[in-house]
Structures are given as structure tokens and as C-alpha cells.
Amino acid sequence: MNYPKSLKDLIECYKKLPGVGEKSAERMALATLELDQDIVTLFSTTVGNIKNSIKRCKKCNNYCEDDYCDICKDESRNNNTICVVEEPKNVNLFERVGSYNGLYHVLGGLISPLDGISPNEIKIDLLLERLKNEDIKEIIFALKPSIEGETTILYITKLLEGKNITISKIAHGVPMGAEIDYLDSLTLEMALEDRKKINN
């Protein structure tokens, strides 16, 4: 690429984003050059501040800017049900569907011995702590249907044996290996409504 160094550096920065290759990064960098200075300054300031602005909710591990996220602070939510998801983006997916009004818990990953991810490296302890302190009647697992997802569900279900909590997982319409992020709203809503109980 016969570009000035600063433009090459910007292209390299864009390439660090997931799913952005050489051509896309080049287009984004060139488009950035065409933006008004005010927009570039806003963009730069926002990117520069995001690491300091965004925290993890002390209760559910979702993204937030305070100690607790807006969902955990919302007293109108059904506080007897927790939907367990892998990442904060999954919370936003369910919120867009709009058919679930309970709480969430973000694990921050799935158990995967092949990738060196043990139960201690995801937020299972934080979930167990919540179950001690909150009046939870049901846990709904909304993890991707994969070996890692099933392993994580099985592990947590074993830990909850003997507790008076209904454990279910989203069902029907979610093919094995599918990413939760790519499901359409209707499929996700049906999967939630038709969830299957997995403990006695």
C-alpha cells in the first residue's frame, strides 16, 4: 500500500476489529478521512475513553458505567428468574426481542478444556453467590448449543443439585452449533417460551 504512515497505521488499527480484513479496513480508513473534523474528534475521544468508562456490573457481569447495570437496578423486572448467557451482547439480543422481563447473568465465556478455559475462569462463582442472596426460582440457560455450551450447563446444573430452583434451557429452533447472535427474533422468542426443564 502506497499510503502515508499515519493512514497505514489507521488501516492496521481497523484490521484489529473482528471480521475486518485488509480491504474493509482500507475502506474504513479512507472513509474516516472524509469525515468532518468534529466527527473525527468525537470518534477519537469516545474510543479513547471507552476502556475507562465501561465496567462490569457487580451483580450480573453485564457492561455498565456504574457499579450496577440498568437491568439489575430496574425494580420492575421479575427478580425470581435469571437468564444465563455467555456474553453481554446476548443480553442486548434478548432485550431487543422484548419478551423476557427477568434478570440476567453473564458468564463471560464457556467451559472449554481444549481452549484452556476452566470453570474458575468464568463467572460461575458470582452466579452461585447471587443464588444465596436472591430469591431465585428459575434459571434459564441461553447458551449456544455446542459442546462447550452443554458442558457449561451440565457443570452448573450439578452444582445446583438439591436446591429448590427450576433449571431450564432454551429450546426449539436453535440448531446445534448455531451462534445465538444470528438467530432471528421469532426463533429466539419461541426458544425462550418453549424452554425445556433439565432438572427434576
Foldseek 3Di string as FASTA:
>chain_A
DPDPPVLVVQLVVVCVDPPDDNVNSNVVSVVLVVDDPVVNVVVVVCVVCVVVQWDAALQAGAIDRDNHHPLVVDPVADAQEEEEEAHNVLVVLVVVLPPHRYHYHHFPHFDDVVVPRHSVNTPLVSVVVCVVVGNHAEYEYEYAQEPRSVVRLVVSVVVCPPPNHWYWYFDPPRDHPDHSNPDDSVSRVNSVVPIDTDDD
